[in-house]
Amino acid sequence: MANTKSAKKRIRQNLKRREHNRRYTAAARTYVTKTRALIEEGKLDEAEQAMRMAASTLDKAAGKGVIHKGNASRRKSRLAQALAKARAA
């Protein structure tokens, strides 16, 4: 357990930041999962709309510094590739 006043403050700050960051990561994860599920089901038009939402939430998370910019870019790219592959098939 923290002893110093500054360490206790750090614990409070970290908890607050963790809650804040979890909102963004959870939202992004939700949309990515929805998009993948729709692609698997073959509902490509709905999947495209879900992909737009996923891309938006990933960009927001990256903009806030919750996830790395490259991480967001890679996830968007893989979703787009999966959607394009499903459309081709």
PDB file of N, CA and C in Angstrom:
ATOM      1  N   MET A   1       0.842  -1.186   0.000  1.00  0.00           N
ATOM      2  CA  MET A   1       0.000   0.000   0.000  1.00  0.00           C
ATOM      3  C   MET A   1       0.882   1.242   0.000  1.00  0.00           C
ATOM      4  N   ALA A   2       0.393   2.278  -0.662  1.00  0.00           N
ATOM      5  CA  ALA A   2       1.170   3.505  -0.787  1.00  0.00           C
ATOM      6  C   ALA A   2       1.283   4.220   0.555  1.00  0.00           C
ATOM      7  N   ASN A   3       2.455   4.782   0.805  1.00  0.00           N
ATOM      8  CA  ASN A   3       2.686   5.499   2.060  1.00  0.00           C
ATOM      9  C   ASN A   3       2.656   7.008   1.883  1.00  0.00           C
ATOM     10  N   THR A   4       3.272   7.475   0.814  1.00  0.00           N
ATOM     11  CA  THR A   4       3.388   8.920   0.646  1.00  0.00           C
ATOM     12  C   THR A   4       2.108   9.513   0.080  1.00  0.00           C
ATOM     13  N   LYS A   5       1.947  10.798   0.310  1.00  0.00           N
ATOM     14  CA  LYS A   5       0.767  11.518  -0.165  1.00  0.00           C
ATOM     15  C   LYS A   5       0.716  11.509  -1.698  1.00  0.00           C
ATOM     16  N   SER A   6       1.876  11.679  -2.328  1.00  0.00           N
ATOM     17  CA  SER A   6       1.922  11.712  -3.788  1.00  0.00           C
ATOM     18  C   SER A   6       1.583  10.349  -4.390  1.00  0.00           C
ATOM     19  N   ALA A   7       2.001   9.288  -3.706  1.00  0.00           N
ATOM     20  CA  ALA A   7       1.701   7.941  -4.200  1.00  0.00           C
ATOM     21  C   ALA A   7       0.210   7.656  -4.102  1.00  0.00           C
ATOM     22  N   LYS A   8      -0.418   8.125  -3.023  1.00  0.00           N
ATOM     23  CA  LYS A   8      -1.866   7.952  -2.874  1.00  0.00           C
ATOM     24  C   LYS A   8      -2.618   8.719  -3.959  1.00  0.00           C
ATOM     25  N   LYS A   9      -2.130   9.904  -4.267  1.00  0.00           N
ATOM     26  CA  LYS A   9      -2.751  10.698  -5.327  1.00  0.00           C
ATOM     27  C   LYS A   9      -2.592   9.987  -6.676  1.00  0.00           C
ATOM     28  N   ARG A  10      -1.423   9.423  -6.907  1.00  0.00           N
ATOM     29  CA  ARG A  10      -1.174   8.684  -8.141  1.00  0.00           C
ATOM     30  C   ARG A  10      -2.158   7.527  -8.290  1.00  0.00           C
ATOM     31  N   ILE A  11      -2.435   6.828  -7.203  1.00  0.00           N
ATOM     32  CA  ILE A  11      -3.385   5.710  -7.238  1.00  0.00           C
ATOM     33  C   ILE A  11      -4.760   6.209  -7.645  1.00  0.00           C
ATOM     34  N   ARG A  12      -5.175   7.347  -7.062  1.00  0.00           N
ATOM     35  CA  ARG A  12      -6.483   7.928  -7.417  1.00  0.00           C
ATOM     36  C   ARG A  12      -6.522   8.316  -8.890  1.00  0.00           C
ATOM     37  N   GLN A  13      -5.462   8.940  -9.374  1.00  0.00           N
ATOM     38  CA  GLN A  13      -5.406   9.357 -10.777  1.00  0.00           C
ATOM     39  C   GLN A  13      -5.453   8.155 -11.715  1.00  0.00           C
ATOM     40  N   ASN A  14      -4.693   7.115 -11.363  1.00  0.00           N
ATOM     41  CA  ASN A  14      -4.646   5.929 -12.215  1.00  0.00           C
ATOM     42  C   ASN A  14      -5.997   5.247 -12.309  1.00  0.00           C
ATOM     43  N   LEU A  15      -6.721   5.179 -11.190  1.00  0.00           N
ATOM     44  CA  LEU A  15      -8.051   4.575 -11.208  1.00  0.00           C
ATOM     45  C   LEU A  15      -8.995   5.364 -12.108  1.00  0.00           C
ATOM     46  N   LYS A  16      -8.932   6.672 -11.988  1.00  0.00           N
ATOM     47  CA  LYS A  16      -9.801   7.536 -12.795  1.00  0.00           C
ATOM     48  C   LYS A  16      -9.481   7.387 -14.283  1.00  0.00           C
ATOM     49  N   ARG A  17      -8.188   7.378 -14.603  1.00  0.00           N
ATOM     50  CA  ARG A  17      -7.772   7.236 -16.005  1.00  0.00           C
ATOM     51  C   ARG A  17      -8.134   5.868 -16.555  1.00  0.00           C
ATOM     52  N   ARG A  18      -8.009   4.846 -15.711  1.00  0.00           N
ATOM     53  CA  ARG A  18      -8.335   3.492 -16.150  1.00  0.00           C
ATOM     54  C   ARG A  18      -9.803   3.390 -16.526  1.00  0.00           C
ATOM     55  N   GLU A  19     -10.676   3.957 -15.699  1.00  0.00           N
ATOM     56  CA  GLU A  19     -12.113   3.951 -16.005  1.00  0.00           C
ATOM     57  C   GLU A  19     -12.385   4.699 -17.297  1.00  0.00           C
ATOM     58  N   HIS A  20     -11.745   5.832 -17.464  1.00  0.00           N
ATOM     59  CA  HIS A  20     -11.918   6.646 -18.674  1.00  0.00           C
ATOM     60  C   HIS A  20     -11.480   5.875 -19.911  1.00  0.00           C
ATOM     61  N   ASN A  21     -10.310   5.242 -19.826  1.00  0.00           N
ATOM     62  CA  ASN A  21      -9.773   4.506 -20.965  1.00  0.00           C
ATOM     63  C   ASN A  21     -10.608   3.282 -21.296  1.00  0.00           C
ATOM     64  N   ARG A  22     -11.168   2.635 -20.273  1.00  0.00           N
ATOM     65  CA  ARG A  22     -11.951   1.421 -20.500  1.00  0.00           C
ATOM     66  C   ARG A  22     -13.194   1.704 -21.318  1.00  0.00           C
ATOM     67  N   ARG A  23     -13.771   2.897 -21.178  1.00  0.00           N
ATOM     68  CA  ARG A  23     -14.940   3.248 -21.988  1.00  0.00           C
ATOM     69  C   ARG A  23     -14.607   3.167 -23.476  1.00  0.00           C
ATOM     70  N   TYR A  24     -13.460   3.721 -23.833  1.00  0.00           N
ATOM     71  CA  TYR A  24     -13.068   3.754 -25.241  1.00  0.00           C
ATOM     72  C   TYR A  24     -12.673   2.383 -25.762  1.00  0.00           C
ATOM     73  N   THR A  25     -11.916   1.637 -24.969  1.00  0.00           N
ATOM     74  CA  THR A  25     -11.497   0.313 -25.430  1.00  0.00           C
ATOM     75  C   THR A  25     -12.692  -0.630 -25.541  1.00  0.00           C
ATOM     76  N   ALA A  26     -13.609  -0.544 -24.590  1.00  0.00           N
ATOM     77  CA  ALA A  26     -14.779  -1.421 -24.616  1.00  0.00           C
ATOM     78  C   ALA A  26     -15.664  -1.104 -25.815  1.00  0.00           C
ATOM     79  N   ALA A  27     -15.863   0.181 -26.093  1.00  0.00           N
ATOM     80  CA  ALA A  27     -16.693   0.570 -27.236  1.00  0.00           C
ATOM     81  C   ALA A  27     -16.066   0.084 -28.538  1.00  0.00           C
ATOM     82  N   ALA A  28     -14.771   0.272 -28.677  1.00  0.00           N
ATOM     83  CA  ALA A  28     -14.082  -0.160 -29.892  1.00  0.00           C
ATOM     84  C   ALA A  28     -14.175  -1.675 -30.044  1.00  0.00           C
ATOM     85  N   ARG A  29     -13.956  -2.403 -28.951  1.00  0.00           N
ATOM     86  CA  ARG A  29     -14.007  -3.855 -28.990  1.00  0.00           C
ATOM     87  C   ARG A  29     -15.403  -4.334 -29.388  1.00  0.00           C
ATOM     88  N   THR A  30     -16.428  -3.670 -28.862  1.00  0.00           N
ATOM     89  CA  THR A  30     -17.806  -4.039 -29.165  1.00  0.00           C
ATOM     90  C   THR A  30     -18.084  -3.914 -30.660  1.00  0.00           C
ATOM     91  N   TYR A  31     -17.720  -2.776 -31.247  1.00  0.00           N
ATOM     92  CA  TYR A  31     -18.001  -2.565 -32.668  1.00  0.00           C
ATOM     93  C   TYR A  31     -17.185  -3.495 -33.558  1.00  0.00           C
ATOM     94  N   VAL A  32     -15.950  -3.760 -33.178  1.00  0.00           N
ATOM     95  CA  VAL A  32     -15.119  -4.678 -33.969  1.00  0.00           C
ATOM     96  C   VAL A  32     -15.734  -6.077 -33.946  1.00  0.00           C
ATOM     97  N   THR A  33     -16.183  -6.504 -32.764  1.00  0.00           N
ATOM     98  CA  THR A  33     -16.801  -7.826 -32.631  1.00  0.00           C
ATOM     99  C   THR A  33     -18.089  -7.913 -33.439  1.00  0.00           C
ATOM    100  N   LYS A  34     -18.911  -6.861 -33.366  1.00  0.00           N
ATOM    101  CA  LYS A  34     -20.159  -6.831 -34.132  1.00  0.00           C
ATOM    102  C   LYS A  34     -19.879  -6.928 -35.619  1.00  0.00           C
ATOM    103  N   THR A  35     -18.892  -6.181 -36.070  1.00  0.00           N
ATOM    104  CA  THR A  35     -18.546  -6.189 -37.491  1.00  0.00           C
ATOM    105  C   THR A  35     -18.115  -7.579 -37.935  1.00  0.00           C
ATOM    106  N   ARG A  36     -17.241  -8.217 -37.148  1.00  0.00           N
ATOM    107  CA  ARG A  36     -16.774  -9.561 -37.502  1.00  0.00           C
ATOM    108  C   ARG A  36     -17.931 -10.552 -37.542  1.00  0.00           C
ATOM    109  N   ALA A  37     -18.854 -10.433 -36.579  1.00  0.00           N
ATOM    110  CA  ALA A  37     -20.000 -11.343 -36.533  1.00  0.00           C
ATOM    111  C   ALA A  37     -20.882 -11.153 -37.760  1.00  0.00           C
ATOM    112  N   LEU A  38     -21.125  -9.900 -38.157  1.00  0.00           N
ATOM    113  CA  LEU A  38     -21.959  -9.623 -39.330  1.00  0.00           C
ATOM    114  C   LEU A  38     -21.307 -10.130 -40.608  1.00  0.00           C
ATOM    115  N   ILE A  39     -19.985 -10.019 -40.688  1.00  0.00           N
ATOM    116  CA  ILE A  39     -19.277 -10.542 -41.859  1.00  0.00           C
ATOM    117  C   ILE A  39     -19.435 -12.057 -41.919  1.00  0.00           C
ATOM    118  N   GLU A  40     -19.307 -12.719 -40.785  1.00  0.00           N
ATOM    119  CA  GLU A  40     -19.465 -14.182 -40.727  1.00  0.00           C
ATOM    120  C   GLU A  40     -20.865 -14.608 -41.150  1.00  0.00           C
ATOM    121  N   GLU A  41     -21.878 -13.812 -40.750  1.00  0.00           N
ATOM    122  CA  GLU A  41     -23.259 -14.138 -41.091  1.00  0.00           C
ATOM    123  C   GLU A  41     -23.595 -13.816 -42.546  1.00  0.00           C
ATOM    124  N   GLY A  42     -22.743 -13.027 -43.186  1.00  0.00           N
ATOM    125  CA  GLY A  42     -22.985 -12.674 -44.573  1.00  0.00           C
ATOM    126  C   GLY A  42     -23.831 -11.427 -44.749  1.00  0.00           C
ATOM    127  N   LYS A  43     -24.074 -10.686 -43.692  1.00  0.00           N
ATOM    128  CA  LYS A  43     -24.833  -9.429 -43.761  1.00  0.00           C
ATOM    129  C   LYS A  43     -23.854  -8.293 -44.038  1.00  0.00           C
ATOM    130  N   LEU A  44     -23.477  -8.169 -45.297  1.00  0.00           N
ATOM    131  CA  LEU A  44     -22.364  -7.284 -45.643  1.00  0.00           C
ATOM    132  C   LEU A  44     -22.721  -5.807 -45.591  1.00  0.00           C
ATOM    133  N   ASP A  45     -23.966  -5.456 -45.923  1.00  0.00           N
ATOM    134  CA  ASP A  45     -24.348  -4.039 -45.853  1.00  0.00           C
ATOM    135  C   ASP A  45     -24.351  -3.552 -44.408  1.00  0.00           C
ATOM    136  N   GLU A  46     -24.899  -4.367 -43.517  1.00  0.00           N
ATOM    137  CA  GLU A  46     -24.889  -4.017 -42.091  1.00  0.00           C
ATOM    138  C   GLU A  46     -23.463  -4.017 -41.554  1.00  0.00           C
ATOM    139  N   ALA A  47     -22.657  -4.934 -42.049  1.00  0.00           N
ATOM    140  CA  ALA A  47     -21.266  -5.022 -41.608  1.00  0.00           C
ATOM    141  C   ALA A  47     -20.497  -3.764 -42.009  1.00  0.00           C
ATOM    142  N   GLU A  48     -20.824  -3.226 -43.176  1.00  0.00           N
ATOM    143  CA  GLU A  48     -20.136  -2.010 -43.617  1.00  0.00           C
ATOM    144  C   GLU A  48     -20.456  -0.835 -42.703  1.00  0.00           C
ATOM    145  N   GLN A  49     -21.723  -0.719 -42.293  1.00  0.00           N
ATOM    146  CA  GLN A  49     -22.094   0.351 -41.362  1.00  0.00           C
ATOM    147  C   GLN A  49     -21.431   0.141 -40.006  1.00  0.00           C
ATOM    148  N   ALA A  50     -21.402  -1.094 -39.550  1.00  0.00           N
ATOM    149  CA  ALA A  50     -20.742  -1.399 -38.280  1.00  0.00           C
ATOM    150  C   ALA A  50     -19.249  -1.109 -38.367  1.00  0.00           C
ATOM    151  N   MET A  51     -18.661  -1.363 -39.546  1.00  0.00           N
ATOM    152  CA  MET A  51     -17.244  -1.087 -39.719  1.00  0.00           C
ATOM    153  C   MET A  51     -16.954   0.410 -39.634  1.00  0.00           C
ATOM    154  N   ARG A  52     -17.854   1.220 -40.161  1.00  0.00           N
ATOM    155  CA  ARG A  52     -17.678   2.672 -40.053  1.00  0.00           C
ATOM    156  C   ARG A  52     -17.675   3.102 -38.588  1.00  0.00           C
ATOM    157  N   MET A  53     -18.600   2.531 -37.818  1.00  0.00           N
ATOM    158  CA  MET A  53     -18.656   2.852 -36.389  1.00  0.00           C
ATOM    159  C   MET A  53     -17.395   2.357 -35.671  1.00  0.00           C
ATOM    160  N   ALA A  54     -16.942   1.171 -36.042  1.00  0.00           N
ATOM    161  CA  ALA A  54     -15.727   0.621 -35.433  1.00  0.00           C
ATOM    162  C   ALA A  54     -14.532   1.515 -35.745  1.00  0.00           C
ATOM    163  N   ALA A  55     -14.429   1.949 -36.992  1.00  0.00           N
ATOM    164  CA  ALA A  55     -13.313   2.811 -37.389  1.00  0.00           C
ATOM    165  C   ALA A  55     -13.362   4.130 -36.624  1.00  0.00           C
ATOM    166  N   SER A  56     -14.563   4.661 -36.466  1.00  0.00           N
ATOM    167  CA  SER A  56     -14.724   5.915 -35.747  1.00  0.00           C
ATOM    168  C   SER A  56     -14.301   5.776 -34.288  1.00  0.00           C
ATOM    169  N   THR A  57     -14.754   4.727 -33.635  1.00  0.00           N
ATOM    170  CA  THR A  57     -14.408   4.541 -32.226  1.00  0.00           C
ATOM    171  C   THR A  57     -12.920   4.235 -32.049  1.00  0.00           C
ATOM    172  N   LEU A  58     -12.342   3.496 -32.995  1.00  0.00           N
ATOM    173  CA  LEU A  58     -10.904   3.226 -32.921  1.00  0.00           C
ATOM    174  C   LEU A  58     -10.109   4.522 -33.085  1.00  0.00           C
ATOM    175  N   ASP A  59     -10.555   5.388 -34.004  1.00  0.00           N
ATOM    176  CA  ASP A  59      -9.881   6.669 -34.191  1.00  0.00           C
ATOM    177  C   ASP A  59      -9.999   7.547 -32.947  1.00  0.00           C
ATOM    178  N   LYS A  60     -11.176   7.526 -32.320  1.00  0.00           N
ATOM    179  CA  LYS A  60     -11.350   8.305 -31.090  1.00  0.00           C
ATOM    180  C   LYS A  60     -10.412   7.798 -30.001  1.00  0.00           C
ATOM    181  N   ALA A  61     -10.340   6.480 -29.854  1.00  0.00           N
ATOM    182  CA  ALA A  61      -9.467   5.895 -28.839  1.00  0.00           C
ATOM    183  C   ALA A  61      -8.008   6.260 -29.111  1.00  0.00           C
ATOM    184  N   ALA A  62      -7.613   6.216 -30.372  1.00  0.00           N
ATOM    185  CA  ALA A  62      -6.238   6.560 -30.729  1.00  0.00           C
ATOM    186  C   ALA A  62      -5.983   8.045 -30.495  1.00  0.00           C
ATOM    187  N   GLY A  63      -6.962   8.864 -30.807  1.00  0.00           N
ATOM    188  CA  GLY A  63      -6.820  10.305 -30.611  1.00  0.00           C
ATOM    189  C   GLY A  63      -6.681  10.679 -29.148  1.00  0.00           C
ATOM    190  N   LYS A  64      -7.336   9.930 -28.274  1.00  0.00           N
ATOM    191  CA  LYS A  64      -7.256  10.195 -26.833  1.00  0.00           C
ATOM    192  C   LYS A  64      -6.013   9.575 -26.213  1.00  0.00           C
ATOM    193  N   GLY A  65      -5.294   8.773 -27.001  1.00  0.00           N
ATOM    194  CA  GLY A  65      -4.098   8.130 -26.470  1.00  0.00           C
ATOM    195  C   GLY A  65      -4.389   6.856 -25.706  1.00  0.00           C
ATOM    196  N   VAL A  66      -5.604   6.342 -25.839  1.00  0.00           N
ATOM    197  CA  VAL A  66      -5.977   5.118 -25.133  1.00  0.00           C
ATOM    198  C   VAL A  66      -5.294   3.920 -25.778  1.00  0.00           C
ATOM    199  N   ILE A  67      -5.282   3.892 -27.117  1.00  0.00           N
ATOM    200  CA  ILE A  67      -4.533   2.870 -27.843  1.00  0.00           C
ATOM    201  C   ILE A  67      -3.589   3.583 -28.805  1.00  0.00           C
ATOM    202  N   HIS A  68      -2.608   2.876 -29.279  1.00  0.00           N
ATOM    203  CA  HIS A  68      -1.633   3.460 -30.192  1.00  0.00           C
ATOM    204  C   HIS A  68      -2.259   3.675 -31.564  1.00  0.00           C
ATOM    205  N   LYS A  69      -1.806   4.700 -32.246  1.00  0.00           N
ATOM    206  CA  LYS A  69      -2.325   5.042 -33.570  1.00  0.00           C
ATOM    207  C   LYS A  69      -2.161   3.894 -34.555  1.00  0.00           C
ATOM    208  N   GLY A  70      -1.023   3.212 -34.492  1.00  0.00           N
ATOM    209  CA  GLY A  70      -0.774   2.074 -35.376  1.00  0.00           C
ATOM    210  C   GLY A  70      -1.684   0.896 -35.074  1.00  0.00           C
ATOM    211  N   ASN A  71      -2.003   0.718 -33.813  1.00  0.00           N
ATOM    212  CA  ASN A  71      -2.910  -0.343 -33.392  1.00  0.00           C
ATOM    213  C   ASN A  71      -4.291  -0.112 -34.000  1.00  0.00           C
ATOM    214  N   ALA A  72      -4.777   1.114 -33.917  1.00  0.00           N
ATOM    215  CA  ALA A  72      -6.085   1.447 -34.486  1.00  0.00           C
ATOM    216  C   ALA A  72      -6.066   1.245 -35.997  1.00  0.00           C
ATOM    217  N   SER A  73      -5.008   1.685 -36.628  1.00  0.00           N
ATOM    218  CA  SER A  73      -4.877   1.565 -38.077  1.00  0.00           C
ATOM    219  C   SER A  73      -4.865   0.105 -38.510  1.00  0.00           C
ATOM    220  N   ARG A  74      -4.133  -0.712 -37.784  1.00  0.00           N
ATOM    221  CA  ARG A  74      -4.042  -2.136 -38.109  1.00  0.00           C
ATOM    222  C   ARG A  74      -5.400  -2.815 -37.968  1.00  0.00           C
ATOM    223  N   ARG A  75      -6.124  -2.501 -36.910  1.00  0.00           N
ATOM    224  CA  ARG A  75      -7.438  -3.114 -36.717  1.00  0.00           C
ATOM    225  C   ARG A  75      -8.413  -2.710 -37.807  1.00  0.00           C
ATOM    226  N   LYS A  76      -8.402  -1.418 -38.181  1.00  0.00           N
ATOM    227  CA  LYS A  76      -9.288  -0.952 -39.259  1.00  0.00           C
ATOM    228  C   LYS A  76      -8.940  -1.635 -40.570  1.00  0.00           C
ATOM    229  N   SER A  77      -7.648  -1.783 -40.831  1.00  0.00           N
ATOM    230  CA  SER A  77      -7.197  -2.425 -42.058  1.00  0.00           C
ATOM    231  C   SER A  77      -7.655  -3.874 -42.128  1.00  0.00           C
ATOM    232  N   ARG A  78      -7.533  -4.582 -41.027  1.00  0.00           N
ATOM    233  CA  ARG A  78      -7.919  -5.994 -41.016  1.00  0.00           C
ATOM    234  C   ARG A  78      -9.422  -6.160 -41.181  1.00  0.00           C
ATOM    235  N   LEU A  79     -10.196  -5.242 -40.594  1.00  0.00           N
ATOM    236  CA  LEU A  79     -11.649  -5.298 -40.785  1.00  0.00           C
ATOM    237  C   LEU A  79     -12.007  -5.054 -42.248  1.00  0.00           C
ATOM    238  N   ALA A  80     -11.365  -4.055 -42.834  1.00  0.00           N
ATOM    239  CA  ALA A  80     -11.633  -3.734 -44.233  1.00  0.00           C
ATOM    240  C   ALA A  80     -11.259  -4.897 -45.139  1.00  0.00           C
ATOM    241  N   GLN A  81     -10.142  -5.543 -44.853  1.00  0.00           N
ATOM    242  CA  GLN A  81      -9.718  -6.697 -45.642  1.00  0.00           C
ATOM    243  C   GLN A  81     -10.725  -7.833 -45.531  1.00  0.00           C
ATOM    244  N   ALA A  82     -11.201  -8.086 -44.330  1.00  0.00           N
ATOM    245  CA  ALA A  82     -12.168  -9.165 -44.113  1.00  0.00           C
ATOM    246  C   ALA A  82     -13.464  -8.880 -44.860  1.00  0.00           C
ATOM    247  N   LEU A  83     -13.894  -7.616 -44.835  1.00  0.00           N
ATOM    248  CA  LEU A  83     -15.123  -7.230 -45.535  1.00  0.00           C
ATOM    249  C   LEU A  83     -14.935  -7.371 -47.050  1.00  0.00           C
ATOM    250  N   ALA A  84     -13.802  -6.940 -47.559  1.00  0.00           N
ATOM    251  CA  ALA A  84     -13.533  -7.036 -48.991  1.00  0.00           C
ATOM    252  C   ALA A  84     -13.464  -8.500 -49.419  1.00  0.00           C
ATOM    253  N   LYS A  85     -12.861  -9.340 -48.605  1.00  0.00           N
ATOM    254  CA  LYS A  85     -12.763 -10.760 -48.921  1.00  0.00           C
ATOM    255  C   LYS A  85     -14.159 -11.408 -48.955  1.00  0.00           C
ATOM    256  N   ALA A  86     -15.001 -10.999 -48.001  1.00  0.00           N
ATOM    257  CA  ALA A  86     -16.369 -11.540 -47.967  1.00  0.00           C
ATOM    258  C   ALA A  86     -17.162 -11.072 -49.179  1.00  0.00           C
ATOM    259  N   ARG A  87     -16.960  -9.839 -49.587  1.00  0.00           N
ATOM    260  CA  ARG A  87     -17.672  -9.322 -50.774  1.00  0.00           C
ATOM    261  C   ARG A  87     -17.242 -10.055 -52.038  1.00  0.00           C
ATOM    262  N   ALA A  88     -15.957 -10.376 -52.125  1.00  0.00           N
ATOM    263  CA  ALA A  88     -15.441 -11.060 -53.295  1.00  0.00           C
ATOM    264  C   ALA A  88     -15.972 -12.511 -53.377  1.00  0.00           C
ATOM    265  N   ALA A  89     -16.185 -13.103 -52.234  1.00  0.00           N
ATOM    266  CA  ALA A  89     -16.624 -14.506 -52.202  1.00  0.00           C
ATOM    267  C   ALA A  89     -18.114 -14.650 -52.449  1.00  0.00           C
TER     268      ALA A  89
END
